[in-house]
Structures are given as structure tokens and as C-alpha cells.
Amino acid sequence: MSYAKYMPDLSHGDENDAAVNALRSAVMRLGRRLKHQRVDESLSPTEMSVLGTLARCGHATPGELARKEHVQPPSMTRIVALLEAKGLVRLEPHPDDRRQKVVSQTEQAEAMLEESRRKRNVWLTSLAEGLDEDEWAKLRAAAPVLEKLAHL
């Protein structure tokens, strides 16, 4: 897949360079701050990300999870084993391929993710209270675009 059509036109020089730099910096800083709003400190950010992927996409094989999380399959196998040991995922036989397993989240993981989302939403809401109405409207309008970028 070619991402060239999604790349900013940098022919305008400094203006677009500055915008891309500002966006990258802001997204990274906000992401780091959000990561500190975790409910369960015993889980790594990667483990939380895998649980989030399962919540969004439903069950998946370890190979599918590895592709979605951009990690190597052996790494995902270790992550899944850790999550299974913590009672957050279960492995079941693949319905079509007996050599494969399907990973799904447990009710414990669903509850933890819901609490984590709630905590992060409360934190973001408190930050957003410092915005004026115009800034808040721009942020609401940008949310779908940022979501699209996150999943390209």
C-alpha cells in the first residue's frame, strides 16, 4: 500500500515542516502522559495495547496480533503467554486450523480496560476544561482525523 497520498506536501517548506513537527511532538507528549494514567501498573504498554486491540477487533491469532501490533511473532507469543498467566486472555483452538490458537480477552480484561478508559477520559476531560470553546471545537473536529492516522 502506498502512503504517498497521505504524506504532507512539503514543497511549501518551513510551514508544513513546522506543522508536522508540532503534530508529532504534541501527539508523542500527550501519548506519554496518557500512558501514565494506567489502572494496572503491572502491565506493560505493549500488553495494554494488545488488550486494546482485542477489545477493538475481537479475537485473533497470535500472528494476526503480531501484525496489528507491529511486533515479531515470537514476541507476541511471549506477550500472549504473560497475559494468559495473568488471566487476561484465553487461548482456544482455531475453528479452521488445528495448528493455530485464537486469543480472546477475558471478562477481567474487559473490566480493567473499561476502568482504564474511564480514568484516562476523566484525566483528558480535566485537561479539556482549560480550553476555550473554539479550541474544544477544533479538537473535536480533529479527533476523527487523528483516529484515521493512528490506524493507517
C-alpha atoms as a PDB file:
ATOM      1  CA  MET A   1       0.000   0.000   0.000  1.00  0.00           C
ATOM      2  CA  SER A   2       1.353   3.435  -0.894  1.00  0.00           C
ATOM      3  CA  TYR A   3       1.142   6.090   1.774  1.00  0.00           C
ATOM      4  CA  ALA A   4       2.409   8.844  -0.538  1.00  0.00           C
ATOM      5  CA  LYS A   5      -1.084  10.268  -0.947  1.00  0.00           C
ATOM      6  CA  TYR A   6      -1.260  10.731   2.836  1.00  0.00           C
ATOM      7  CA  MET A   7       2.103  12.465   3.122  1.00  0.00           C
ATOM      8  CA  PRO A   8       2.061  16.226   3.597  1.00  0.00           C
ATOM      9  CA  ASP A   9       3.128  18.335   0.634  1.00  0.00           C
ATOM     10  CA  LEU A  10       6.485  19.500   1.909  1.00  0.00           C
ATOM     11  CA  SER A  11       7.056  21.652  -1.158  1.00  0.00           C
ATOM     12  CA  HIS A  12       5.766  24.577   0.904  1.00  0.00           C
ATOM     13  CA  GLY A  13       8.854  24.228   3.063  1.00  0.00           C
ATOM     14  CA  ASP A  14       9.033  25.572   6.548  1.00  0.00           C
ATOM     15  CA  GLU A  15       5.279  25.964   7.144  1.00  0.00           C
ATOM     16  CA  ASN A  16       4.495  22.265   6.646  1.00  0.00           C
ATOM     17  CA  ASP A  17       7.742  21.175   8.300  1.00  0.00           C
ATOM     18  CA  ALA A  18       6.759  23.155  11.381  1.00  0.00           C
ATOM     19  CA  ALA A  19       3.218  21.759  11.372  1.00  0.00           C
ATOM     20  CA  VAL A  20       4.423  18.156  11.073  1.00  0.00           C
ATOM     21  CA  ASN A  21       6.979  18.750  13.834  1.00  0.00           C
ATOM     22  CA  ALA A  22       4.379  20.318  16.107  1.00  0.00           C
ATOM     23  CA  LEU A  23       1.882  17.497  15.478  1.00  0.00           C
ATOM     24  CA  ARG A  24       4.485  14.789  16.113  1.00  0.00           C
ATOM     25  CA  SER A  25       5.692  16.447  19.291  1.00  0.00           C
ATOM     26  CA  ALA A  26       2.193  17.077  20.659  1.00  0.00           C
ATOM     27  CA  VAL A  27       0.945  13.562  19.896  1.00  0.00           C
ATOM     28  CA  MET A  28       4.026  11.976  21.466  1.00  0.00           C
ATOM     29  CA  ARG A  29       3.863  14.119  24.632  1.00  0.00           C
ATOM     30  CA  LEU A  30       0.134  13.574  25.074  1.00  0.00           C
ATOM     31  CA  GLY A  31       0.563   9.836  24.456  1.00  0.00           C
ATOM     32  CA  ARG A  32       3.291   9.595  27.100  1.00  0.00           C
ATOM     33  CA  ARG A  33       1.149  11.476  29.601  1.00  0.00           C
ATOM     34  CA  LEU A  34      -1.849   9.234  28.848  1.00  0.00           C
ATOM     35  CA  LYS A  35       0.280   6.124  29.415  1.00  0.00           C
ATOM     36  CA  HIS A  36       0.846   7.289  32.984  1.00  0.00           C
ATOM     37  CA  GLN A  37      -2.911   7.184  33.615  1.00  0.00           C
ATOM     38  CA  ARG A  38      -2.948   3.379  33.794  1.00  0.00           C
ATOM     39  CA  VAL A  39      -5.077   1.355  36.166  1.00  0.00           C
ATOM     40  CA  ASP A  40      -2.781  -1.664  36.334  1.00  0.00           C
ATOM     41  CA  GLU A  41       0.877  -0.706  36.608  1.00  0.00           C
ATOM     42  CA  SER A  42       1.931  -4.354  36.345  1.00  0.00           C
ATOM     43  CA  LEU A  43       1.081  -4.411  32.619  1.00  0.00           C
ATOM     44  CA  SER A  44       3.495  -3.022  30.059  1.00  0.00           C
ATOM     45  CA  PRO A  45       2.254  -0.534  27.468  1.00  0.00           C
ATOM     46  CA  THR A  46       2.581  -3.305  24.864  1.00  0.00           C
ATOM     47  CA  GLU A  47       0.423  -5.677  26.927  1.00  0.00           C
ATOM     48  CA  MET A  48      -2.195  -2.931  27.314  1.00  0.00           C
ATOM     49  CA  SER A  49      -2.050  -2.283  23.581  1.00  0.00           C
ATOM     50  CA  VAL A  50      -2.665  -5.968  22.808  1.00  0.00           C
ATOM     51  CA  LEU A  51      -5.693  -5.978  25.113  1.00  0.00           C
ATOM     52  CA  GLY A  52      -6.954  -2.816  23.414  1.00  0.00           C
ATOM     53  CA  THR A  53      -6.550  -4.433  20.001  1.00  0.00           C
ATOM     54  CA  LEU A  54      -8.515  -7.480  21.143  1.00  0.00           C
ATOM     55  CA  ALA A  55     -11.230  -5.183  22.520  1.00  0.00           C
ATOM     56  CA  ARG A  56     -11.493  -3.318  19.197  1.00  0.00           C
ATOM     57  CA  CYS A  57     -11.051  -6.209  16.777  1.00  0.00           C
ATOM     58  CA  GLY A  58     -12.306  -9.237  18.690  1.00  0.00           C
ATOM     59  CA  HIS A  59     -10.407 -12.496  18.867  1.00  0.00           C
ATOM     60  CA  ALA A  60      -7.293 -13.057  16.755  1.00  0.00           C
ATOM     61  CA  THR A  61      -4.466 -15.488  16.253  1.00  0.00           C
ATOM     62  CA  PRO A  62      -1.090 -14.560  17.743  1.00  0.00           C
ATOM     63  CA  GLY A  63       0.190 -13.969  14.191  1.00  0.00           C
ATOM     64  CA  GLU A  64      -2.641 -11.541  13.459  1.00  0.00           C
ATOM     65  CA  LEU A  65      -1.965  -9.738  16.732  1.00  0.00           C
ATOM     66  CA  ALA A  66       1.744  -9.521  15.897  1.00  0.00           C
ATOM     67  CA  ARG A  67       0.932  -7.844  12.570  1.00  0.00           C
ATOM     68  CA  LYS A  68      -1.540  -5.424  14.141  1.00  0.00           C
ATOM     69  CA  GLU A  69       0.879  -4.530  16.940  1.00  0.00           C
ATOM     70  CA  HIS A  70       3.928  -4.383  14.648  1.00  0.00           C
ATOM     71  CA  VAL A  71       5.957  -6.907  16.640  1.00  0.00           C
ATOM     72  CA  GLN A  72       7.600 -10.178  15.675  1.00  0.00           C
ATOM     73  CA  PRO A  73       5.506 -13.365  16.149  1.00  0.00           C
ATOM     74  CA  PRO A  74       7.836 -14.822  18.828  1.00  0.00           C
ATOM     75  CA  SER A  75       7.454 -11.604  20.846  1.00  0.00           C
ATOM     76  CA  MET A  76       3.676 -11.819  20.553  1.00  0.00           C
ATOM     77  CA  THR A  77       3.750 -15.444  21.694  1.00  0.00           C
ATOM     78  CA  ARG A  78       5.551 -14.303  24.875  1.00  0.00           C
ATOM     79  CA  ILE A  79       3.134 -11.406  25.403  1.00  0.00           C
ATOM     80  CA  VAL A  80       0.102 -13.674  24.986  1.00  0.00           C
ATOM     81  CA  ALA A  81       1.603 -16.178  27.448  1.00  0.00           C
ATOM     82  CA  LEU A  82       2.105 -13.406  30.039  1.00  0.00           C
ATOM     83  CA  LEU A  83      -1.455 -12.135  29.546  1.00  0.00           C
ATOM     84  CA  GLU A  84      -2.829 -15.665  29.804  1.00  0.00           C
ATOM     85  CA  ALA A  85      -0.908 -16.242  33.055  1.00  0.00           C
ATOM     86  CA  LYS A  86      -2.480 -13.041  34.440  1.00  0.00           C
ATOM     87  CA  GLY A  87      -5.951 -14.262  33.479  1.00  0.00           C
ATOM     88  CA  LEU A  88      -6.494 -11.504  30.916  1.00  0.00           C
ATOM     89  CA  VAL A  89      -6.696 -13.613  27.753  1.00  0.00           C
ATOM     90  CA  ARG A  90      -7.658 -17.163  26.911  1.00  0.00           C
ATOM     91  CA  LEU A  91      -6.422 -19.366  24.115  1.00  0.00           C
ATOM     92  CA  GLU A  92      -8.875 -21.555  22.265  1.00  0.00           C
ATOM     93  CA  PRO A  93      -8.469 -23.876  19.286  1.00  0.00           C
ATOM     94  CA  HIS A  94      -8.795 -22.201  15.911  1.00  0.00           C
ATOM     95  CA  PRO A  95     -12.089 -23.299  14.296  1.00  0.00           C
ATOM     96  CA  ASP A  96     -10.489 -23.990  10.890  1.00  0.00           C
ATOM     97  CA  ASP A  97      -6.824 -24.735  11.590  1.00  0.00           C
ATOM     98  CA  ARG A  98      -5.981 -27.130  14.421  1.00  0.00           C
ATOM     99  CA  ARG A  99      -2.354 -25.927  14.406  1.00  0.00           C
ATOM    100  CA  GLN A 100      -3.452 -22.412  15.404  1.00  0.00           C
ATOM    101  CA  LYS A 101      -4.874 -20.886  18.560  1.00  0.00           C
ATOM    102  CA  VAL A 102      -7.260 -17.973  18.852  1.00  0.00           C
ATOM    103  CA  VAL A 103      -6.663 -15.344  21.530  1.00  0.00           C
ATOM    104  CA  SER A 104      -9.592 -13.572  23.162  1.00  0.00           C
ATOM    105  CA  GLN A 105      -9.820 -11.292  26.159  1.00  0.00           C
ATOM    106  CA  THR A 106     -11.422 -12.371  29.417  1.00  0.00           C
ATOM    107  CA  GLU A 107     -14.079 -10.541  31.406  1.00  0.00           C
ATOM    108  CA  GLN A 108     -11.311  -9.486  33.802  1.00  0.00           C
ATOM    109  CA  ALA A 109      -9.504  -7.778  30.900  1.00  0.00           C
ATOM    110  CA  GLU A 110     -12.723  -6.112  29.726  1.00  0.00           C
ATOM    111  CA  ALA A 111     -13.332  -4.688  33.205  1.00  0.00           C
ATOM    112  CA  MET A 112      -9.735  -3.488  33.518  1.00  0.00           C
ATOM    113  CA  LEU A 113      -9.831  -1.832  30.091  1.00  0.00           C
ATOM    114  CA  GLU A 114     -13.118  -0.131  30.926  1.00  0.00           C
ATOM    115  CA  GLU A 115     -11.668   1.240  34.167  1.00  0.00           C
ATOM    116  CA  SER A 116      -8.534   2.361  32.315  1.00  0.00           C
ATOM    117  CA  ARG A 117     -10.637   4.156  29.670  1.00  0.00           C
ATOM    118  CA  ARG A 118     -12.688   5.817  32.394  1.00  0.00           C
ATOM    119  CA  LYS A 119      -9.578   7.025  34.230  1.00  0.00           C
ATOM    120  CA  ARG A 120      -7.982   8.371  31.042  1.00  0.00           C
ATOM    121  CA  ASN A 121     -11.218  10.041  29.960  1.00  0.00           C
ATOM    122  CA  VAL A 122     -11.520  11.775  33.336  1.00  0.00           C
ATOM    123  CA  TRP A 123      -7.930  12.968  33.009  1.00  0.00           C
ATOM    124  CA  LEU A 124      -8.458  14.226  29.441  1.00  0.00           C
ATOM    125  CA  THR A 125     -11.696  15.927  30.452  1.00  0.00           C
ATOM    126  CA  SER A 126      -9.869  17.804  33.184  1.00  0.00           C
ATOM    127  CA  LEU A 127      -7.296  18.979  30.609  1.00  0.00           C
ATOM    128  CA  ALA A 128     -10.009  19.972  28.132  1.00  0.00           C
ATOM    129  CA  GLU A 129     -11.629  22.195  30.763  1.00  0.00           C
ATOM    130  CA  GLY A 130      -8.677  24.536  30.194  1.00  0.00           C
ATOM    131  CA  LEU A 131      -9.617  25.033  26.537  1.00  0.00           C
ATOM    132  CA  ASP A 132     -11.891  27.740  25.221  1.00  0.00           C
ATOM    133  CA  GLU A 133     -14.923  26.787  23.096  1.00  0.00           C
ATOM    134  CA  ASP A 134     -13.117  27.398  19.796  1.00  0.00           C
ATOM    135  CA  GLU A 135     -10.156  25.210  20.835  1.00  0.00           C
ATOM    136  CA  TRP A 136     -12.525  22.484  22.047  1.00  0.00           C
ATOM    137  CA  ALA A 137     -14.448  22.584  18.729  1.00  0.00           C
ATOM    138  CA  LYS A 138     -11.180  22.250  16.772  1.00  0.00           C
ATOM    139  CA  LEU A 139     -10.091  19.335  18.939  1.00  0.00           C
ATOM    140  CA  ARG A 140     -13.437  17.546  18.437  1.00  0.00           C
ATOM    141  CA  ALA A 141     -13.111  18.078  14.664  1.00  0.00           C
ATOM    142  CA  ALA A 142      -9.518  16.756  14.679  1.00  0.00           C
ATOM    143  CA  ALA A 143     -10.347  13.559  16.602  1.00  0.00           C
ATOM    144  CA  PRO A 144     -11.551  11.528  13.556  1.00  0.00           C
ATOM    145  CA  VAL A 145      -8.502  12.615  11.545  1.00  0.00           C
ATOM    146  CA  LEU A 146      -6.135  11.585  14.336  1.00  0.00           C
ATOM    147  CA  GLU A 147      -8.008   8.275  14.616  1.00  0.00           C
ATOM    148  CA  LYS A 148      -7.504   7.715  10.893  1.00  0.00           C
ATOM    149  CA  LEU A 149      -3.784   8.483  11.160  1.00  0.00           C
ATOM    150  CA  ALA A 150      -3.468   6.088  14.083  1.00  0.00           C
ATOM    151  CA  HIS A 151      -4.831   3.211  12.016  1.00  0.00           C
ATOM    152  CA  LEU A 152      -3.126   3.766   8.647  1.00  0.00           C
END
